Every structure is written in C-alpha cells, then in structure tokens.
Amino acid sequence: MVYDFRSDTVTKPSAPMRKAMAEAEVGDDVYRDDPTVNLLEERAAELMGKEAALFAPSGTQTNLLAILTHCGRGDEYIVGQDGHSYKYEGGGAAIFGSIVPQPIEFEPDGTLDLAKVKSKIKPNDIHFARTKLLCLENTNWGRVLPMDYLAQASEFAKIHHLSTHLDGARIFNAAVKLKIPALKIAQYFDTVSFCLSKGLGAPVGSLLCGKREFIEEARRWRKVLGGGMRQVGILAAAGLYALDHNIGRLEEDHMNAALLTERLKSMPEMEVLPYSGITNMVFAYLRKGNPEGLAAFLKDRGILITVRNPLRLVTHMDVDRKAVVALVEGIKEYLAKL
C-alpha cells in the first residue's frame, strides 16, 4: 500500500468510475457527435451558471484558451506572481498569443490588492500593452478567496473595462468549504475553468465555462492548439461520474488536512504555515533535517511527498485518516533519528 501526498492529481479512477467509462456512449467530438461530451459540457455550464462549456485535456489548456480568447496580440493580463496560469503553465499566453503577463504579488489571503491592480493598468497610450484581463485563482495554495472580495473585484473590473477569468481548478473545494454552490463563486467572472482530475478523482480533463459566443471562439483555439479530441466520451464519462458523486466528499479531504495540520503543529521541528488545512493542502517548513532526506525516508515506508520546502502535503480521496496518521508517525520517526 502506497500513500501519496504529492498532489490531488494522483488519484486513481474508482471501480464505478471505470464502469461508467467502459459503458460510455461515444462519437466524434470534433464533429460534436459525442453525446457524453455534450452532456458533460451542459452539466459543467449548469454548475457554473454559464451559457456553455468546453471540455479540454487539462487545466493548463483551459486557462490558455481563456486568455487567448479574452486577449489579442499585444494585450496584457494581470495575474498573481505565483498564479498557476502565469508561473506554472510554460508561458503559453506569451508563446502562442503574444500576450503580455503583468504579475502582482499575492496578499497573505490569496487575493490581489485591487489598488495595486489599478496601478498596473496601462494608460491608453501607444507605448504600452493594452490591459484587457484580470485573472484570479480559487483556491489559491488551499486558501479560499472571500466572497465579498470577489464581488469587489468583479465591480472593479467592470469599472476599468477588464474581462475576468477564474482559474478555478479547485473551485469545488472552495464551494464545499463555504457551503455554497460553485456558481455562487463563478457568478463574479466572465469565464471559469475547473479541473476534473484533481480532488474530483477523474483521470484527465478540465472545463472552460462562459458565454456561448466566447466558448465557440475558444473551441477554435482548442483546435489550433491540437486539443480537438475524437471519441473522448470515455473520458467525459469519468468527468460526469466525478461531478455526480465526488463533490460532497471533498469535505473529508478538508477534515484530513485539518487533522494533519493539527498534528504537525504539535511538533517543534515543524513550522506550519497559517493557511494550512483550510481546504486540502498543508504547508510546513522543516526546522530540522531537509526535504530530500524526509522524502527518501518516507518513500522507504510507502509514503510519497514532493521534495520542496515548505513541504506541500495534499489530501485527496485515496488517502484516508489512517494514511494521515501514518504520515505523521513517519515524520516523527525521521526527526527522531536526526
């Protein structure tokens, strides 16, 4: 038995999900003939309160599709310095769209200070890129953006003639934490992307949601990027199963992350960051030893973590309370040997 805390992307499809995939009705999605994909896109749009949705292979691609559709060559988007769509997606907007990122440091709660955003909006002058889009992320390092902030950011964007996109890879974690439907969060954005392959447990896939005309243009960009898929209903079926069965259970992941946070805080050798255990992520610095040594020690005991400092430990459907206890005991054992 291996307990894997590296990410919530490591989950394996359950037996019922595999059954749904095996029995999926399929067609050619490029011709829009795959009924299971069509159903998934309708369901996603409904959950986000949008007119339409587009199924894509990854969250990186749905974020890129959004930026390419919102912006043109020489335009600019404002984004967090450590935002996934800026830092961890290979510079796709600049590479494929000649679109300029304007990163801003996140505040401690995961928001972008709107006064700082305002200061970075370029004037209408030929010397500057044209600021067109504001990108936010929810959850952000496990942090849930406050609802009043989302309302303020939405109003701010309208005043300054900016479109808005939410990288909502883990929007359902945020919604479950707040005990509200995800569309209550999505209502403040022109477009939203979310992942099926993280906490929801599907093997692959993300959805981009927005107005119908926007999604039609994004569909063209998906084809340009090589994202047109054929009998992909097999994967869409996994996504439908995830949306129907795996949203509510995210609360279990949050409880396990809270337990892990509590146990690590009791160790003087660990510095647990304050936003740990809000949803399904725990962050902690080692005050003794090093991440490489800890990762190797735990791996020998069937526990996987990412080598980084601070440690990022992620709970998901394939690690239960027993796994959390095993991880804590493994860390204690490692520290005791130093």
Protein backbone atom coordinates (compact mmCIF):
# COMPACT_ATOMS: atom_id res chain seq x y z
CA MET A 1 0.00 0.00 0.00
CA VAL A 2 1.38 3.41 -1.01
CA TYR A 3 0.08 6.66 0.47
CA ASP A 4 0.68 9.51 -1.96
CA PHE A 5 0.51 13.07 -0.59
CA ARG A 6 2.24 14.75 -3.55
CA SER A 7 -0.96 16.14 -5.08
CA ASP A 8 -4.68 15.54 -5.52
CA THR A 9 -3.90 14.76 -9.18
CA VAL A 10 -2.57 11.30 -8.29
CA THR A 11 -5.94 9.66 -7.60
CA LYS A 12 -6.93 6.51 -9.47
CA PRO A 13 -10.39 6.08 -11.04
CA SER A 14 -12.68 4.05 -8.78
CA ALA A 15 -14.33 0.84 -9.96
CA PRO A 16 -17.72 2.57 -10.51
CA MET A 17 -16.00 5.34 -12.48
CA ARG A 18 -14.20 2.78 -14.64
CA LYS A 19 -17.54 1.06 -15.26
CA ALA A 20 -19.07 4.35 -16.37
CA MET A 21 -16.14 4.90 -18.73
CA ALA A 22 -16.42 1.41 -20.20
CA GLU A 23 -20.14 1.84 -20.87
CA ALA A 24 -19.95 5.41 -22.24
CA GLU A 25 -21.75 6.20 -25.46
CA VAL A 26 -19.26 7.90 -27.78
CA GLY A 27 -18.98 9.75 -31.08
CA ASP A 28 -16.57 12.14 -32.80
CA ASP A 29 -16.30 15.21 -30.59
CA VAL A 30 -14.68 17.38 -33.27
CA TYR A 31 -17.94 16.93 -35.19
CA ARG A 32 -19.74 17.48 -31.87
CA ASP A 33 -21.19 13.98 -32.20
CA ASP A 34 -20.07 12.62 -28.83
CA PRO A 35 -23.21 12.58 -26.67
CA THR A 36 -21.30 12.00 -23.42
CA VAL A 37 -19.06 15.01 -24.02
CA ASN A 38 -22.08 17.10 -24.91
CA LEU A 39 -23.76 16.06 -21.67
CA LEU A 40 -20.64 16.84 -19.63
CA GLU A 41 -20.36 20.30 -21.16
CA GLU A 42 -24.03 21.02 -20.46
CA ARG A 43 -23.62 19.83 -16.87
CA ALA A 44 -20.49 21.92 -16.34
CA ALA A 45 -22.14 25.06 -17.69
CA GLU A 46 -25.12 24.47 -15.42
CA LEU A 47 -22.91 24.01 -12.35
CA MET A 48 -21.08 27.27 -13.09
CA GLY A 49 -24.19 29.22 -14.07
CA LYS A 50 -22.82 29.89 -17.56
CA GLU A 51 -24.29 29.51 -21.06
CA ALA A 52 -21.81 26.97 -22.38
CA ALA A 53 -18.70 24.94 -21.61
CA LEU A 54 -15.81 23.31 -23.45
CA PHE A 55 -14.06 20.06 -22.50
CA ALA A 56 -10.26 20.12 -22.80
CA PRO A 57 -7.43 17.78 -21.83
CA SER A 58 -6.01 19.90 -18.99
CA GLY A 59 -6.41 22.94 -16.78
CA THR A 60 -3.33 24.43 -18.42
CA GLN A 61 -5.17 24.32 -21.73
CA THR A 62 -8.46 25.72 -20.42
CA ASN A 63 -6.62 28.64 -18.82
CA LEU A 64 -4.71 29.23 -22.05
CA LEU A 65 -7.90 29.04 -24.11
CA ALA A 66 -9.46 31.65 -21.86
CA ILE A 67 -6.52 34.05 -22.15
CA LEU A 68 -6.22 33.59 -25.93
CA THR A 69 -9.92 34.28 -26.35
CA HIS A 70 -10.07 37.26 -23.99
CA CYS A 71 -6.90 38.90 -25.36
CA GLY A 72 -5.20 39.60 -28.67
CA ARG A 73 -1.58 40.13 -29.70
CA GLY A 74 -0.02 42.90 -27.66
CA ASP A 75 -2.71 42.78 -24.98
CA GLU A 76 -1.95 42.25 -21.30
CA TYR A 77 -3.44 40.21 -18.49
CA ILE A 78 -2.96 40.90 -14.77
CA VAL A 79 -2.28 37.82 -12.67
CA GLY A 80 -0.72 36.71 -9.37
CA GLN A 81 3.07 36.39 -9.27
CA ASP A 82 2.69 32.77 -8.14
CA GLY A 83 -0.55 32.21 -10.05
CA HIS A 84 -0.70 28.90 -11.86
CA SER A 85 -1.72 30.45 -15.17
CA TYR A 86 1.40 32.64 -15.05
CA LYS A 87 4.12 30.70 -13.25
CA TYR A 88 3.37 27.04 -13.88
CA GLU A 89 1.95 26.85 -17.41
CA GLY A 90 5.05 27.31 -19.52
CA GLY A 91 4.42 30.89 -20.60
CA GLY A 92 1.78 29.68 -23.04
CA ALA A 93 -0.03 33.01 -23.40
CA ALA A 94 3.20 34.73 -24.44
CA ILE A 95 4.33 31.85 -26.67
CA PHE A 96 1.09 31.21 -28.53
CA GLY A 97 -0.71 34.54 -28.27
CA SER A 98 1.97 37.24 -27.88
CA ILE A 99 0.01 38.25 -24.78
CA VAL A 100 1.92 40.02 -22.01
CA PRO A 101 1.53 38.95 -18.36
CA GLN A 102 1.61 41.60 -15.63
CA PRO A 103 2.22 39.67 -12.40
CA ILE A 104 1.47 41.10 -8.94
CA GLU A 105 2.38 39.56 -5.57
CA PHE A 106 -0.50 37.83 -3.81
CA GLU A 107 -1.68 39.13 -0.46
CA PRO A 108 -1.48 36.73 2.53
CA ASP A 109 -5.11 35.65 1.97
CA GLY A 110 -4.53 34.78 -1.70
CA THR A 111 -6.18 37.90 -3.11
CA LEU A 112 -4.69 40.58 -5.35
CA ASP A 113 -4.77 44.05 -3.80
CA LEU A 114 -7.11 45.96 -6.12
CA ALA A 115 -5.24 49.22 -5.50
CA LYS A 116 -2.07 47.52 -6.79
CA VAL A 117 -4.03 46.10 -9.71
CA LYS A 118 -5.27 49.60 -10.56
CA SER A 119 -1.70 50.93 -10.50
CA LYS A 120 -0.67 48.31 -13.09
CA ILE A 121 -3.47 49.02 -15.59
CA LYS A 122 -1.79 50.67 -18.54
CA PRO A 123 -2.95 54.02 -19.88
CA ASN A 124 -4.42 54.29 -23.36
CA ASP A 125 -1.11 55.11 -24.97
CA ILE A 126 0.76 53.57 -27.91
CA HIS A 127 3.79 52.95 -25.68
CA PHE A 128 2.00 50.31 -23.62
CA ALA A 129 0.39 46.93 -23.91
CA ARG A 130 -3.41 47.10 -23.63
CA THR A 131 -4.63 45.78 -20.28
CA LYS A 132 -7.61 43.56 -21.02
CA LEU A 133 -7.98 40.81 -18.44
CA LEU A 134 -7.83 40.17 -14.68
CA CYS A 135 -7.09 36.56 -13.66
CA LEU A 136 -7.72 35.26 -10.14
CA GLU A 137 -7.28 31.79 -8.64
CA ASN A 138 -9.58 29.97 -6.20
CA THR A 139 -8.46 28.04 -4.25
CA ASN A 140 -5.02 29.62 -4.05
CA TRP A 141 -2.48 27.46 -2.19
CA GLY A 142 -5.50 25.98 -0.45
CA ARG A 143 -6.86 29.38 0.51
CA VAL A 144 -10.47 30.29 -0.28
CA LEU A 145 -11.00 33.79 -1.66
CA PRO A 146 -13.56 35.76 0.40
CA MET A 147 -16.92 36.23 -1.29
CA ASP A 148 -17.02 39.96 -0.56
CA TYR A 149 -13.63 40.31 -2.25
CA LEU A 150 -14.92 38.52 -5.35
CA ALA A 151 -17.83 40.98 -5.54
CA GLN A 152 -15.42 43.91 -5.18
CA ALA A 153 -13.05 42.50 -7.82
CA SER A 154 -15.92 41.98 -10.24
CA GLU A 155 -17.16 45.55 -9.81
CA PHE A 156 -13.59 46.86 -10.08
CA ALA A 157 -13.10 45.02 -13.37
CA LYS A 158 -16.30 46.46 -14.82
CA ILE A 159 -15.31 49.99 -13.86
CA HIS A 160 -11.91 49.55 -15.51
CA HIS A 161 -13.25 47.72 -18.58
CA LEU A 162 -11.43 44.47 -17.81
CA SER A 163 -12.69 40.97 -18.51
CA THR A 164 -12.33 38.45 -15.69
CA HIS A 165 -11.19 34.83 -15.65
CA LEU A 166 -11.07 32.48 -12.69
CA ASP A 167 -8.59 29.65 -12.57
CA GLY A 168 -10.98 27.54 -10.56
CA ALA A 169 -9.04 24.30 -10.77
CA ARG A 170 -10.22 23.57 -7.22
CA ILE A 171 -13.37 25.73 -7.20
CA PHE A 172 -15.36 22.87 -5.71
CA ASN A 173 -13.02 22.75 -2.70
CA ALA A 174 -13.77 26.44 -2.20
CA ALA A 175 -17.52 25.89 -2.63
CA VAL A 176 -17.61 22.96 -0.19
CA LYS A 177 -15.62 24.94 2.36
CA LEU A 178 -18.05 27.87 2.08
CA LYS A 179 -21.06 25.50 1.91
CA ILE A 180 -22.38 27.18 -1.23
CA PRO A 181 -22.93 26.07 -4.85
CA ALA A 182 -19.92 26.70 -7.09
CA LEU A 183 -21.98 29.01 -9.30
CA LYS A 184 -22.12 31.49 -6.41
CA ILE A 185 -18.37 31.89 -6.87
CA ALA A 186 -18.43 31.67 -10.66
CA GLN A 187 -21.05 34.44 -10.96
CA TYR A 188 -18.35 37.07 -10.45
CA PHE A 189 -16.32 36.02 -13.51
CA ASP A 190 -16.82 36.15 -17.26
CA THR A 191 -15.11 32.77 -17.59
CA VAL A 192 -14.20 29.97 -15.22
CA SER A 193 -12.08 26.87 -15.68
CA PHE A 194 -12.14 23.88 -13.35
CA CYS A 195 -10.36 20.54 -13.20
CA LEU A 196 -11.89 17.08 -13.04
CA SER A 197 -8.54 15.40 -12.38
CA LYS A 198 -7.71 16.92 -9.01
CA GLY A 199 -9.93 16.42 -5.97
CA LEU A 200 -12.80 15.07 -8.06
CA GLY A 201 -10.81 11.95 -8.96
CA ALA A 202 -11.25 11.73 -12.74
CA PRO A 203 -8.19 10.59 -14.71
CA VAL A 204 -7.98 13.61 -17.01
CA GLY A 205 -9.81 16.72 -18.20
CA SER A 206 -10.91 20.27 -17.45
CA LEU A 207 -13.81 22.51 -18.47
CA LEU A 208 -13.86 26.12 -19.57
CA CYS A 209 -17.21 27.83 -18.97
CA GLY A 210 -18.57 31.15 -20.20
CA LYS A 211 -20.92 32.81 -22.67
CA ARG A 212 -21.84 30.75 -25.71
CA GLU A 213 -20.15 33.05 -28.23
CA PHE A 214 -16.97 33.08 -26.16
CA ILE A 215 -16.89 29.29 -25.91
CA GLU A 216 -17.31 28.99 -29.68
CA GLU A 217 -14.19 31.10 -30.18
CA ALA A 218 -12.35 29.10 -27.52
CA ARG A 219 -13.31 25.91 -29.36
CA ARG A 220 -11.48 27.20 -32.42
CA TRP A 221 -8.40 27.93 -30.28
CA ARG A 222 -8.62 24.43 -28.82
CA LYS A 223 -8.37 23.02 -32.35
CA VAL A 224 -5.43 25.31 -33.16
CA LEU A 225 -3.62 24.07 -30.05
CA GLY A 226 -4.16 20.45 -31.03
CA GLY A 227 -6.81 19.90 -28.39
CA GLY A 228 -9.52 18.56 -30.70
CA MET A 229 -10.43 15.08 -29.46
CA ARG A 230 -12.40 12.29 -31.09
CA GLN A 231 -14.22 9.51 -29.17
CA VAL A 232 -13.43 11.21 -25.90
CA GLY A 233 -16.75 10.35 -24.28
CA ILE A 234 -14.84 7.61 -22.47
CA LEU A 235 -13.07 10.35 -20.51
CA ALA A 236 -16.12 12.59 -20.32
CA ALA A 237 -17.99 9.75 -18.60
CA ALA A 238 -15.39 9.82 -15.84
CA GLY A 239 -15.96 13.56 -15.51
CA LEU A 240 -19.71 13.13 -15.26
CA TYR A 241 -19.29 10.47 -12.60
CA ALA A 242 -16.95 12.79 -10.69
CA LEU A 243 -19.42 15.69 -10.79
CA ASP A 244 -22.31 13.48 -9.71
CA HIS A 245 -20.53 11.62 -6.89
CA ASN A 246 -17.30 13.28 -5.74
CA ILE A 247 -18.04 16.91 -4.92
CA GLY A 248 -19.63 16.49 -1.49
CA ARG A 249 -16.93 14.10 -0.30
CA LEU A 250 -14.27 16.85 -0.64
CA GLU A 251 -15.18 17.74 2.94
CA GLU A 252 -13.45 14.52 4.03
CA ASP A 253 -10.23 15.74 2.41
CA HIS A 254 -10.55 19.04 4.27
CA MET A 255 -11.03 17.23 7.57
CA ASN A 256 -7.96 15.08 6.94
CA ALA A 257 -5.91 18.16 6.07
CA ALA A 258 -7.10 19.84 9.27
CA LEU A 259 -6.05 16.77 11.27
CA LEU A 260 -2.64 16.74 9.60
CA THR A 261 -2.24 20.46 10.34
CA GLU A 262 -3.08 19.93 14.00
CA ARG A 263 -0.62 17.04 14.37
CA LEU A 264 2.24 18.88 12.64
CA LYS A 265 1.71 21.97 14.78
CA SER A 266 2.45 19.84 17.84
CA MET A 267 5.99 19.18 16.54
CA PRO A 268 8.54 21.89 17.48
CA GLU A 269 10.66 20.86 14.48
CA MET A 270 7.89 21.95 12.08
CA GLU A 271 6.77 25.46 11.17
CA VAL A 272 3.24 25.11 9.84
CA LEU A 273 2.11 27.98 7.63
CA PRO A 274 -1.07 29.76 8.74
CA TYR A 275 -3.17 28.89 5.69
CA SER A 276 -2.65 25.15 6.14
CA GLY A 277 -5.70 22.92 6.47
CA ILE A 278 -8.20 25.47 5.16
CA THR A 279 -9.11 23.06 2.39
CA ASN A 280 -6.99 20.08 1.32
CA MET A 281 -3.45 21.45 1.47
CA VAL A 282 -0.92 21.67 4.30
CA PHE A 283 2.30 23.68 4.12
CA ALA A 284 5.16 23.39 6.61
CA TYR A 285 8.85 24.22 6.84
CA LEU A 286 11.26 21.70 8.31
CA ARG A 287 13.33 23.31 11.07
CA LYS A 288 15.42 20.17 11.31
CA GLY A 289 16.69 17.90 8.55
CA ASN A 290 15.83 18.53 4.91
CA PRO A 291 13.02 17.72 2.46
CA GLU A 292 15.20 15.38 0.39
CA GLY A 293 16.07 13.29 3.41
CA LEU A 294 12.49 13.22 4.66
CA ALA A 295 11.11 12.26 1.24
CA ALA A 296 13.60 9.38 0.91
CA PHE A 297 12.87 8.18 4.45
CA LEU A 298 9.10 8.22 3.88
CA LYS A 299 9.37 6.58 0.46
CA ASP A 300 11.00 3.56 2.07
CA ARG A 301 7.88 3.33 4.22
CA GLY A 302 5.44 3.57 1.32
CA ILE A 303 4.62 7.28 1.69
CA LEU A 304 5.25 9.77 -1.12
CA ILE A 305 5.71 13.53 -0.72
CA THR A 306 7.02 16.26 -3.03
CA VAL A 307 10.58 17.42 -2.34
CA ARG A 308 10.21 21.11 -1.51
CA ASN A 309 10.48 23.48 1.44
CA PRO A 310 7.94 24.40 2.57
CA LEU A 311 6.51 20.92 2.26
CA ARG A 312 3.20 20.81 0.40
CA LEU A 313 1.11 17.88 1.61
CA VAL A 314 -2.18 17.32 -0.21
CA THR A 315 -5.11 15.19 0.92
CA HIS A 316 -7.50 13.50 -1.52
CA MET A 317 -9.84 10.53 -1.89
CA ASP A 318 -7.01 7.99 -1.97
CA VAL A 319 -5.53 9.00 1.42
CA ASP A 320 -7.75 8.50 4.45
CA ARG A 321 -7.32 9.26 8.16
CA LYS A 322 -5.18 6.14 8.54
CA ALA A 323 -2.83 7.49 5.85
CA VAL A 324 -2.57 10.85 7.65
CA VAL A 325 -1.63 9.10 10.90
CA ALA A 326 0.98 7.03 9.03
CA LEU A 327 2.47 10.19 7.52
CA VAL A 328 2.66 11.93 10.89
CA GLU A 329 4.31 8.93 12.52
CA GLY A 330 6.79 8.70 9.64
CA ILE A 331 7.75 12.36 10.03
CA LYS A 332 8.18 11.91 13.78
CA GLU A 333 10.39 8.86 13.22
CA TYR A 334 12.54 10.74 10.70
CA LEU A 335 13.00 13.71 13.04
CA ALA A 336 13.85 11.46 15.99
CA LYS A 337 16.71 9.88 14.03
CA LEU A 338 18.42 13.22 13.33
